[in-house]
C-alpha cells in the first residue's frame, strides 16, 4: 500500500508539472500576437496555479527555487553562448563590457537613490538597486528572437552580449550589499570597498579564464571522442555546461560568466553533430525558461505584490524611462553609437528571472525586510515586461534600427556529421536589395568550391541549376569552405542561422 501511495503521489506531481508546462507553452502563441514577452505568460501560469490562484498550490520554498533557478539560468546562458557568433563578440565586446560593469553599478546606484527617496532605508534601497541592476538573458533572448525583427548587427550583438555578461556583476553586488545589510554597513563587508573591487576583478578573471578552459577542453573531447550513439553528444555538452558553472563557482570565480564563455567557445568550433547539439540546447533552454518562470509564479503572492504595487511601478518606471536610458547613452557615446541606437539599447533592458532570484539572496541570509523587497521586485519585473518588453518591435521601427525579418523557410536542410567537416551548409534569405537577386546561378561569381545546392521557394523545393534565378523571398542553401565564407557573405548577406 505504501508503494502504491507513493506512486500516486508521484503521478499527481507529474500531472501538475505536465499541466504547467503544457499550458505555458500553449499560451506562448499569444506572446507575439499581443506583444507580451513569453516569460511573463509562463510566470502568469505559475501565479494562476499558486496558493492565491485557481490551482491553490501552496509553495514558498525559497531555497529550492533558488537552486532550480540558478541551474536554469546556467543552461540558458550556455545556450546563449552557443548561438553567439565570434564576429559579434569581437565587434560588440567593448560596449557590452562597459554596460555589464560600469553600467550595472551606475544603474544600481541610481535605483538605490530613487528607492531611498521613496522611503526605503539605505540597506534595503541598496539591495533593491543591486538586485534590479542587470538585464536578464532569458527574457532578452526570448523577446528578441520572438519579435520577428532584424536588428542592426552591432545593436543586437551588444544587447545579447551585455545580458550574458552582466549577471556576474549583479550577483557580486547583491552578495556584497547583503553582507553589508546583515553585518552593519561597510564594517560587515570583508575588506571594505577595496576588498569588494578586488573580489569583482578576481571573480570575473577566474570565471572568464576557466570558462574558456572548460570550453576548449570540451571541444577536444567532442572532436576526439567516438561515442557509440549520437544521442550521447548532447549529454556530454550538458555535462560541460554544468561543469563550466560549477568549477569556477567553487574556486571563487563567476560561474555565470564561465558558462556563457564556455558556450561561446564550443559554439564557434567545428564539432560533430553540431546541428543536433544546437537543437538540444535550444530545447533545454526553453524547458529551463518555462520551469523557472512557472516556479517563480508559484512562489509569488499576488496580494502582497499589489500591496506594494505603487512602489514597484514607480521604481520600474524610473529604471526603464530614466536610469537605464541615461546610463546607456553616456556609456555608449564613446563607442560612437548614435543616439537612436543608445536609446534603443537603454529601452530594451528587460528584467526577468535574474532580479527575482537575486532577491532571494537576502531572504536566505535572513536580512530584515527581505520579503518586502521580493514583492517590490516582482512589480518591477512585471512592469518592465509589459512596457519596454511589449514595445520592442514598435521602438525598433520607430527609431529606425531594425527591419522585419523574412518568414522562415518552409523546409530546412541540415547535415548531421559524425566528425568535423571541411565545409559547411549555410542558408540565406534572398532580399530584393541583394546583388544576387534576379541573377541566374551560373552568372554569380561563387568563390572557390562554393555552390548553391537547393532553393526553397514557398512550398516548393527547387534544384539549383545554372539557369535558375534567385527571387525575393527565396531561401537558398549553399555549400562553402571556411575560408570562402567571408566572400559568400558579401554576396548573400547575413546567414539565417546567425
Protein backbone atom coordinates (compact mmCIF):
# COMPACT_ATOMS: atom_id res chain seq x y z
CA UNK A 1 0.00 0.00 0.00
CA UNK A 2 2.82 2.39 0.83
CA UNK A 3 4.37 1.82 -2.60
CA UNK A 4 1.02 2.44 -4.33
CA UNK A 5 0.52 5.63 -2.33
CA UNK A 6 3.99 6.86 -3.25
CA UNK A 7 3.35 6.05 -6.91
CA UNK A 8 0.08 8.01 -6.77
CA UNK A 9 1.87 10.98 -5.21
CA UNK A 10 4.46 10.93 -7.98
CA UNK A 11 1.70 10.70 -10.59
CA UNK A 12 -0.13 13.72 -9.17
CA UNK A 13 3.13 15.67 -9.09
CA UNK A 14 3.73 14.82 -12.74
CA UNK A 15 0.17 15.87 -13.59
CA UNK A 16 0.79 19.30 -12.04
CA UNK A 17 4.18 19.70 -13.75
CA UNK A 18 2.85 18.48 -17.09
CA UNK A 19 -0.13 20.83 -17.00
CA UNK A 20 2.03 23.81 -16.05
CA UNK A 21 4.45 23.11 -18.89
CA UNK A 22 1.72 22.44 -21.47
CA UNK A 23 -0.37 25.48 -20.57
CA UNK A 24 2.70 27.72 -20.52
CA UNK A 25 3.82 26.52 -23.94
CA UNK A 26 0.35 26.86 -25.49
CA UNK A 27 -0.05 30.36 -24.07
CA UNK A 28 3.26 31.32 -25.66
CA UNK A 29 1.48 31.61 -29.01
CA UNK A 30 -0.22 34.71 -27.66
CA UNK A 31 3.16 36.32 -26.99
CA UNK A 32 3.73 37.66 -30.49
CA UNK A 33 0.05 38.43 -31.15
CA UNK A 34 -0.33 40.68 -28.10
CA UNK A 35 3.32 41.83 -27.85
CA UNK A 36 3.70 40.28 -24.41
CA UNK A 37 7.07 38.73 -23.54
CA UNK A 38 6.63 34.98 -23.33
CA UNK A 39 8.34 34.71 -19.94
CA UNK A 40 5.57 36.84 -18.42
CA UNK A 41 2.99 34.34 -19.65
CA UNK A 42 4.90 31.48 -18.05
CA UNK A 43 5.00 33.43 -14.78
CA UNK A 44 1.27 34.16 -15.03
CA UNK A 45 0.57 30.43 -15.40
CA UNK A 46 2.52 29.83 -12.20
CA UNK A 47 0.58 32.55 -10.40
CA UNK A 48 -2.74 31.05 -11.51
CA UNK A 49 -1.65 27.68 -10.17
CA UNK A 50 -0.35 29.17 -6.90
CA UNK A 51 -1.87 29.45 -3.45
CA UNK A 52 -3.85 32.58 -4.35
CA UNK A 53 -4.83 31.35 -7.82
CA UNK A 54 -7.16 28.74 -9.25
CA UNK A 55 -4.78 25.87 -8.58
CA UNK A 56 -4.35 26.55 -4.89
CA UNK A 57 -0.85 25.06 -4.79
CA UNK A 58 0.94 26.24 -1.65
CA UNK A 59 4.61 26.80 -2.45
CA UNK A 60 7.05 29.01 -0.54
CA UNK A 61 10.33 27.12 -0.75
CA UNK A 62 12.86 29.87 -1.44
CA UNK A 63 15.88 27.58 -1.23
CA UNK A 64 14.55 25.10 -3.80
CA UNK A 65 13.53 27.96 -6.09
CA UNK A 66 16.99 29.47 -5.82
CA UNK A 67 18.68 26.18 -6.70
CA UNK A 68 16.45 25.36 -9.65
CA UNK A 69 16.54 28.97 -10.88
CA UNK A 70 20.34 29.03 -10.76
CA UNK A 71 20.55 25.78 -12.73
CA UNK A 72 18.06 27.10 -15.29
CA UNK A 73 19.99 30.36 -15.73
CA UNK A 74 23.23 28.46 -16.26
CA UNK A 75 21.66 26.35 -19.03
CA UNK A 76 20.06 29.41 -20.65
CA UNK A 77 23.38 31.27 -20.64
CA UNK A 78 25.15 28.26 -22.14
CA UNK A 79 22.61 28.14 -24.97
CA UNK A 80 23.03 31.90 -25.47
CA UNK A 81 26.79 31.41 -25.78
CA UNK A 82 26.35 28.58 -28.30
CA UNK A 83 24.36 30.95 -30.54
CA UNK A 84 26.71 33.94 -30.21
CA UNK A 85 28.93 34.26 -33.32
CA UNK A 86 32.57 35.09 -32.68
CA UNK A 87 32.46 38.08 -35.04
CA UNK A 88 29.67 39.57 -32.92
CA UNK A 89 31.82 39.15 -29.81
CA UNK A 90 34.72 40.96 -31.46
CA UNK A 91 32.52 43.80 -32.65
CA UNK A 92 30.44 44.37 -29.52
CA UNK A 93 32.62 43.19 -26.63
CA UNK A 94 33.88 46.62 -25.57
CA UNK A 95 30.49 48.41 -25.34
CA UNK A 96 28.82 45.33 -23.87
CA UNK A 97 31.54 45.00 -21.22
CA UNK A 98 31.16 48.68 -20.30
CA UNK A 99 27.39 48.23 -19.83
CA UNK A 100 27.88 44.96 -17.94
CA UNK A 101 30.26 46.50 -15.39
CA UNK A 102 30.09 50.28 -15.12
CA UNK A 103 26.50 50.28 -16.35
CA UNK A 104 25.34 47.78 -13.73
CA UNK A 105 26.98 49.79 -10.93
CA UNK A 106 25.61 53.13 -12.17
CA UNK A 107 22.07 51.80 -12.65
CA UNK A 108 22.17 50.14 -9.25
CA UNK A 109 23.25 53.39 -7.60
CA UNK A 110 20.50 55.43 -9.31
CA UNK A 111 17.78 52.93 -8.42
CA UNK A 112 19.05 52.80 -4.83
CA UNK A 113 18.81 56.58 -4.61
CA UNK A 114 15.26 56.51 -6.00
CA UNK A 115 14.27 53.76 -3.56
CA UNK A 116 15.67 55.74 -0.64
CA UNK A 117 13.69 58.80 -1.74
CA UNK A 118 10.59 56.58 -1.74
CA UNK A 119 11.16 55.80 1.94
CA UNK A 120 13.34 52.70 2.00
CA UNK A 121 16.22 52.75 4.50
CA UNK A 122 19.64 52.70 2.86
CA UNK A 123 20.35 48.96 3.36
CA UNK A 124 17.10 47.97 1.64
CA UNK A 125 17.48 50.68 -1.00
CA UNK A 126 20.97 49.47 -1.90
CA UNK A 127 19.69 45.90 -2.08
CA UNK A 128 16.93 46.93 -4.47
CA UNK A 129 19.44 48.75 -6.66
CA UNK A 130 21.80 45.79 -6.79
CA UNK A 131 19.04 43.25 -7.46
CA UNK A 132 17.49 45.05 -10.46
CA UNK A 133 20.74 46.42 -11.90
CA UNK A 134 21.29 43.80 -14.63
CA UNK A 135 19.26 42.73 -17.62
CA UNK A 136 18.02 39.17 -17.92
CA UNK A 137 19.44 36.89 -20.61
CA UNK A 138 16.42 34.58 -20.69
CA UNK A 139 13.98 37.47 -21.07
CA UNK A 140 16.05 39.30 -23.66
CA UNK A 141 16.81 36.25 -25.81
CA UNK A 142 13.15 35.22 -25.90
CA UNK A 143 11.88 38.72 -26.75
CA UNK A 144 14.44 39.45 -29.46
CA UNK A 145 14.08 36.06 -31.11
CA UNK A 146 10.28 36.17 -30.99
CA UNK A 147 9.99 39.76 -32.26
CA UNK A 148 10.50 38.86 -35.92
CA UNK A 149 12.90 41.79 -36.31
CA UNK A 150 16.38 42.01 -37.80
CA UNK A 151 18.31 44.48 -35.63
CA UNK A 152 21.43 46.27 -36.76
CA UNK A 153 24.20 43.79 -36.09
CA UNK A 154 26.11 45.91 -33.57
CA UNK A 155 22.97 46.80 -31.61
CA UNK A 156 21.71 43.23 -31.43
CA UNK A 157 25.14 41.86 -30.54
CA UNK A 158 25.63 44.46 -27.81
CA UNK A 159 22.28 43.68 -26.23
CA UNK A 160 22.81 39.93 -26.22
CA UNK A 161 26.42 40.13 -25.04
CA UNK A 162 25.51 42.56 -22.27
CA UNK A 163 22.75 40.30 -21.00
CA UNK A 164 25.15 37.37 -20.92
CA UNK A 165 27.95 39.33 -19.23
CA UNK A 166 26.19 41.50 -16.66
CA UNK A 167 24.80 38.77 -14.38
CA UNK A 168 28.17 38.25 -12.63
CA UNK A 169 28.42 41.91 -11.62
CA UNK A 170 24.83 41.95 -10.33
CA UNK A 171 25.46 38.77 -8.33
CA UNK A 172 28.62 40.20 -6.77
CA UNK A 173 26.92 43.49 -5.91
CA UNK A 174 23.93 41.70 -4.38
CA UNK A 175 26.14 39.42 -2.29
CA UNK A 176 28.22 42.37 -1.10
CA UNK A 177 25.21 44.53 -0.19
CA UNK A 178 23.54 41.54 1.51
CA UNK A 179 26.68 41.09 3.59
CA UNK A 180 26.66 44.79 4.46
CA UNK A 181 22.95 44.73 5.36
CA UNK A 182 23.43 41.77 7.66
CA UNK A 183 26.67 42.97 9.22
CA UNK A 184 26.19 46.65 9.93
CA UNK A 185 27.22 48.60 6.84
CA UNK A 186 30.73 48.73 5.45
CA UNK A 187 32.04 47.18 8.66
CA UNK A 188 30.25 43.98 7.69
CA UNK A 189 31.92 43.85 4.29
CA UNK A 190 35.11 41.83 4.21
CA UNK A 191 37.95 44.11 3.15
CA UNK A 192 35.72 47.14 2.67
CA UNK A 193 35.28 48.75 -0.74
CA UNK A 194 38.83 47.86 -1.75
CA UNK A 195 38.15 44.22 -0.98
CA UNK A 196 34.91 44.37 -2.97
CA UNK A 197 36.70 45.81 -6.01
CA UNK A 198 39.39 43.13 -5.78
CA UNK A 199 36.75 40.42 -5.44
CA UNK A 200 34.97 41.65 -8.57
CA UNK A 201 38.17 41.59 -10.61
CA UNK A 202 39.21 38.16 -9.35
CA UNK A 203 35.80 36.55 -9.87
CA UNK A 204 35.45 37.91 -13.40
CA UNK A 205 39.01 36.89 -14.28
CA UNK A 206 38.66 33.39 -12.83
CA UNK A 207 35.27 32.93 -14.44
CA UNK A 208 36.44 34.08 -17.87
CA UNK A 209 39.64 32.00 -17.87
CA UNK A 210 38.06 28.81 -16.51
CA UNK A 211 35.06 29.18 -18.81
CA UNK A 212 37.36 29.39 -21.83
CA UNK A 213 39.37 26.43 -20.48
CA UNK A 214 36.31 24.24 -20.00
CA UNK A 215 35.05 25.24 -23.43
CA UNK A 216 38.39 24.42 -25.06
CA UNK A 217 38.60 21.08 -23.26
CA UNK A 218 35.04 20.35 -24.30
CA UNK A 219 35.89 20.97 -27.96
CA UNK A 220 38.78 18.49 -27.75
CA UNK A 221 36.56 15.88 -26.10
CA UNK A 222 33.79 16.31 -28.65
CA UNK A 223 36.19 16.07 -31.57
CA UNK A 224 38.21 13.09 -30.36
CA UNK A 225 35.56 11.03 -28.63
CA UNK A 226 34.00 8.29 -30.70
CA UNK A 227 30.82 7.84 -28.70
CA UNK A 228 28.71 4.76 -29.53
CA UNK A 229 25.50 6.76 -30.10
CA UNK A 230 24.76 10.23 -31.45
CA UNK A 231 22.43 10.93 -28.54
CA UNK A 232 25.38 10.87 -26.15
CA UNK A 233 26.96 14.02 -27.62
CA UNK A 234 24.26 16.33 -26.17
CA UNK A 235 24.69 14.57 -22.83
CA UNK A 236 28.40 15.42 -22.96
CA UNK A 237 27.76 19.09 -23.77
CA UNK A 238 25.19 19.25 -20.99
CA UNK A 239 27.82 17.90 -18.61
CA UNK A 240 30.27 20.54 -19.87
CA UNK A 241 27.72 23.28 -19.20
CA UNK A 242 27.22 22.10 -15.63
CA UNK A 243 30.96 21.81 -15.00
CA UNK A 244 31.62 25.21 -16.59
CA UNK A 245 29.33 26.75 -14.00
CA UNK A 246 30.30 24.61 -11.02
CA UNK A 247 34.12 24.58 -11.10
CA UNK A 248 34.63 28.38 -11.29
CA UNK A 249 31.98 28.90 -8.61
CA UNK A 250 33.78 26.53 -6.24
CA UNK A 251 37.07 28.34 -6.99
CA UNK A 252 35.56 31.77 -6.18
CA UNK A 253 35.02 32.70 -9.81
CA UNK A 254 31.89 33.78 -11.63
CA UNK A 255 30.06 30.66 -12.76
CA UNK A 256 27.57 32.70 -14.80
CA UNK A 257 30.35 34.31 -16.83
CA UNK A 258 32.18 31.00 -17.17
CA UNK A 259 29.23 29.04 -18.56
CA UNK A 260 28.50 31.80 -21.09
CA UNK A 261 32.13 31.93 -22.24
CA UNK A 262 32.26 28.13 -22.47
CA UNK A 263 29.18 28.22 -24.70
CA UNK A 264 30.81 30.80 -27.00
CA UNK A 265 33.98 28.71 -27.34
CA UNK A 266 32.06 25.49 -28.09
CA UNK A 267 29.51 27.15 -30.36
CA UNK A 268 32.18 28.70 -32.59
CA UNK A 269 34.10 25.46 -33.12
CA UNK A 270 33.73 22.75 -35.74
CA UNK A 271 32.09 19.82 -33.95
CA UNK A 272 30.39 16.53 -34.74
CA UNK A 273 26.58 16.58 -34.56
CA UNK A 274 26.73 20.36 -34.19
CA UNK A 275 23.24 20.97 -35.55
CA UNK A 276 21.75 18.37 -33.22
CA UNK A 277 23.64 19.90 -30.30
CA UNK A 278 22.17 23.32 -31.04
CA UNK A 279 18.65 21.92 -31.24
CA UNK A 280 19.09 20.04 -27.97
CA UNK A 281 20.33 23.05 -26.04
CA UNK A 282 17.69 25.30 -27.59
CA UNK A 283 15.04 22.90 -26.27
CA UNK A 284 16.84 22.70 -22.92
CA UNK A 285 16.90 26.50 -22.65
CA UNK A 286 13.18 26.74 -23.39
CA UNK A 287 12.40 23.99 -20.87
CA UNK A 288 14.51 25.88 -18.32
CA UNK A 289 12.62 29.10 -19.03
CA UNK A 290 9.19 27.52 -18.69
CA UNK A 291 10.17 25.72 -15.48
CA UNK A 292 11.92 28.69 -13.91
CA UNK A 293 9.26 31.31 -14.60
CA UNK A 294 6.39 28.99 -13.69
CA UNK A 295 8.12 28.24 -10.38
CA UNK A 296 8.69 31.94 -9.74
CA UNK A 297 4.99 32.48 -10.40
CA UNK A 298 4.14 29.78 -7.87
CA UNK A 299 6.42 31.48 -5.36
CA UNK A 300 4.68 34.84 -5.72
CA UNK A 301 1.73 36.13 -3.71
CA UNK A 302 -0.33 38.50 -5.90
CA UNK A 303 -1.98 40.11 -2.87
CA UNK A 304 1.41 41.10 -1.45
CA UNK A 305 2.63 42.29 -4.85
CA UNK A 306 -0.48 44.50 -5.18
CA UNK A 307 0.13 45.85 -1.69
CA UNK A 308 3.49 47.21 -2.84
CA UNK A 309 2.41 47.80 -6.43
CA UNK A 310 2.84 51.58 -6.42
CA UNK A 311 6.44 51.23 -5.24
CA UNK A 312 7.20 48.62 -7.89
CA UNK A 313 5.57 50.73 -10.59
CA UNK A 314 7.46 53.88 -9.53
CA UNK A 315 10.83 52.12 -9.43
CA UNK A 316 10.09 50.24 -12.64
CA UNK A 317 9.23 53.45 -14.49
CA UNK A 318 12.29 55.21 -13.11
CA UNK A 319 14.51 52.30 -14.13
CA UNK A 320 13.05 51.87 -17.63
CA UNK A 321 12.45 55.50 -18.60
CA UNK A 322 15.24 57.40 -16.82
CA UNK A 323 18.03 55.41 -15.18
CA UNK A 324 18.94 52.82 -17.82
CA UNK A 325 18.50 55.04 -20.91
CA UNK A 326 20.66 57.79 -19.38
CA UNK A 327 23.40 55.37 -18.33
CA UNK A 328 23.39 53.62 -21.71
CA UNK A 329 23.58 56.86 -23.66
CA UNK A 330 26.50 58.05 -21.52
CA UNK A 331 28.46 54.79 -21.76
CA UNK A 332 27.80 54.10 -25.45
CA UNK A 333 28.69 57.60 -26.63
CA UNK A 334 32.48 56.91 -26.67
CA UNK A 335 31.82 53.87 -28.89
CA UNK A 336 30.11 56.07 -31.49
CA UNK A 337 26.63 54.69 -31.08
CA UNK A 338 24.01 57.05 -32.47
CA UNK A 339 21.50 58.47 -30.03
CA UNK A 340 18.83 56.27 -31.59
CA UNK A 341 20.91 53.12 -31.07
CA UNK A 342 21.81 54.12 -27.49
CA UNK A 343 18.20 54.92 -26.68
CA UNK A 344 17.04 51.55 -28.01
CA UNK A 345 19.69 49.67 -26.02
CA UNK A 346 18.60 51.62 -22.96
CA UNK A 347 14.94 50.90 -23.55
CA UNK A 348 15.33 47.17 -24.14
CA UNK A 349 16.87 46.46 -20.75
CA UNK A 350 14.48 43.69 -19.79
CA UNK A 351 14.31 42.24 -16.29
CA UNK A 352 13.10 38.72 -15.75
CA UNK A 353 14.12 35.84 -13.54
CA UNK A 354 17.54 37.19 -12.54
CA UNK A 355 16.30 40.03 -10.27
CA UNK A 356 13.78 37.70 -8.59
CA UNK A 357 16.42 35.04 -7.96
CA UNK A 358 18.85 37.68 -6.68
CA UNK A 359 16.12 38.96 -4.36
CA UNK A 360 16.21 35.52 -2.73
CA UNK A 361 19.79 36.15 -1.51
CA UNK A 362 18.79 38.45 1.36
CA UNK A 363 15.84 36.17 2.24
CA UNK A 364 18.12 33.16 2.54
CA UNK A 365 20.57 35.28 4.55
CA UNK A 366 17.86 36.42 6.97
CA UNK A 367 18.09 40.14 6.17
CA UNK A 368 15.29 42.13 7.81
CA UNK A 369 12.53 43.21 5.41
CA UNK A 370 13.81 41.00 2.59
CA UNK A 371 10.34 39.60 1.79
CA UNK A 372 9.10 43.11 1.03
CA UNK A 373 11.97 43.55 -1.43
CA UNK A 374 10.92 40.37 -3.24
CA UNK A 375 7.37 41.67 -3.66
CA UNK A 376 8.64 45.02 -4.99
CA UNK A 377 11.00 43.29 -7.42
CA UNK A 378 8.09 41.23 -8.79
CA UNK A 379 6.33 44.51 -9.54
CA UNK A 380 9.41 45.95 -11.27
CA UNK A 381 9.76 42.82 -13.43
CA UNK A 382 6.11 42.75 -14.45
CA UNK A 383 6.07 46.44 -15.34
CA UNK A 384 9.28 46.08 -17.35
CA UNK A 385 7.83 43.14 -19.23
CA UNK A 386 4.64 44.99 -20.14
CA UNK A 387 6.11 48.39 -21.09
CA UNK A 388 9.63 48.04 -22.54
CA UNK A 389 9.19 44.33 -23.31
CA UNK A 390 5.87 44.78 -25.06
CA UNK A 391 7.10 47.70 -27.18
CA UNK A 392 10.34 46.21 -28.57
CA UNK A 393 9.09 45.91 -32.19
CA UNK A 394 7.46 49.35 -32.06
CA UNK A 395 10.56 51.01 -30.60
CA UNK A 396 12.88 49.33 -33.11
CA UNK A 397 10.81 50.51 -36.07
CA UNK A 398 10.22 53.96 -34.59
CA UNK A 399 13.94 54.50 -34.06
CA UNK A 400 14.76 53.09 -37.49
CA UNK A 401 17.26 50.46 -36.38
CA UNK A 402 15.50 47.28 -37.49
CA UNK A 403 13.63 45.73 -40.34
CA UNK A 404 11.13 42.92 -40.28
CA UNK A 405 12.80 39.57 -40.80
CA UNK A 406 11.51 37.48 -43.65
CA UNK A 407 9.37 34.41 -42.97
CA UNK A 408 11.26 31.22 -42.18
CA UNK A 409 11.67 28.68 -44.98
CA UNK A 410 9.02 26.01 -45.42
CA UNK A 411 11.75 23.32 -45.36
CA UNK A 412 15.06 23.10 -43.55
CA UNK A 413 18.08 21.28 -44.95
CA UNK A 414 20.65 20.06 -42.43
CA UNK A 415 23.73 17.86 -42.38
CA UNK A 416 24.42 15.64 -39.38
CA UNK A 417 28.12 14.77 -39.35
CA UNK A 418 29.93 12.15 -37.28
CA UNK A 419 33.06 14.32 -37.19
CA UNK A 420 34.03 17.91 -38.12
CA UNK A 421 33.87 18.53 -41.86
CA UNK A 422 35.96 20.73 -44.12
CA UNK A 423 32.93 22.70 -45.25
CA UNK A 424 29.56 23.93 -44.05
CA UNK A 425 25.98 24.20 -45.24
CA UNK A 426 24.67 27.74 -44.93
CA UNK A 427 21.23 29.18 -45.68
CA UNK A 428 20.46 32.73 -46.83
CA UNK A 429 17.19 34.60 -47.31
CA UNK A 430 17.12 36.42 -50.64
CA UNK A 431 16.15 40.07 -50.44
CA UNK A 432 15.44 42.31 -53.41
CA UNK A 433 18.35 44.57 -52.44
CA UNK A 434 20.96 41.80 -52.68
CA UNK A 435 23.19 41.81 -55.77
CA UNK A 436 22.38 38.14 -56.45
CA UNK A 437 18.63 38.69 -56.60
CA UNK A 438 17.23 38.10 -60.09
CA UNK A 439 20.54 36.71 -61.30
CA UNK A 440 20.92 33.17 -62.73
CA UNK A 441 23.13 30.96 -60.58
CA UNK A 442 25.53 30.48 -63.49
CA UNK A 443 26.25 34.25 -63.51
CA UNK A 444 27.01 34.51 -59.77
CA UNK A 445 30.77 34.64 -59.07
CA UNK A 446 30.90 31.95 -56.36
CA UNK A 447 34.31 31.84 -54.68
CA UNK A 448 36.33 28.62 -54.86
CA UNK A 449 34.26 25.49 -54.27
CA UNK A 450 31.16 27.34 -53.01
CA UNK A 451 27.97 26.24 -54.75
CA UNK A 452 24.20 26.56 -54.39
CA UNK A 453 22.58 23.21 -53.58
CA UNK A 454 18.87 23.81 -53.02
CA UNK A 455 16.33 26.62 -53.17
CA UNK A 456 13.19 26.74 -51.02
CA UNK A 457 10.51 28.87 -52.72
CA UNK A 458 7.28 28.92 -50.78
CA UNK A 459 6.12 25.31 -50.55
CA UNK A 460 8.40 24.18 -53.40
CA UNK A 461 11.87 22.67 -53.39
CA UNK A 462 13.86 23.71 -56.46
CA UNK A 463 17.06 22.06 -57.62
CA UNK A 464 19.90 24.57 -58.02
CA UNK A 465 20.72 24.65 -61.76
CA UNK A 466 22.74 27.15 -63.71
CA UNK A 467 19.72 28.84 -65.30
CA UNK A 468 17.78 29.10 -62.02
CA UNK A 469 17.24 32.70 -60.91
CA UNK A 470 17.07 33.72 -57.25
CA UNK A 471 13.87 35.60 -56.46
CA UNK A 472 12.91 37.79 -53.47
CA UNK A 473 11.65 35.58 -50.64
CA UNK A 474 13.71 32.55 -51.69
CA UNK A 475 15.83 30.65 -49.19
CA UNK A 476 18.97 29.27 -50.77
CA UNK A 477 21.25 26.63 -49.24
CA UNK A 478 24.94 26.92 -50.13
CA UNK A 479 27.97 24.78 -49.55
CA UNK A 480 31.19 26.65 -48.82
CA UNK A 481 34.51 26.15 -47.08
CA UNK A 482 35.50 28.21 -44.03
CA UNK A 483 37.97 30.37 -45.98
CA UNK A 484 35.25 31.19 -48.53
CA UNK A 485 32.63 32.26 -46.01
CA UNK A 486 33.55 35.95 -45.99
CA UNK A 487 33.15 36.31 -49.77
CA UNK A 488 29.90 34.32 -49.69
CA UNK A 489 28.54 36.68 -47.01
CA UNK A 490 29.39 39.67 -49.21
CA UNK A 491 27.23 38.22 -51.98
CA UNK A 492 24.32 36.82 -50.00
CA UNK A 493 24.21 38.94 -46.82
CA UNK A 494 23.77 37.55 -43.33
CA UNK A 495 23.28 33.80 -42.94
CA UNK A 496 19.97 32.76 -41.41
CA UNK A 497 21.45 30.54 -38.72
CA UNK A 498 23.26 33.56 -37.19
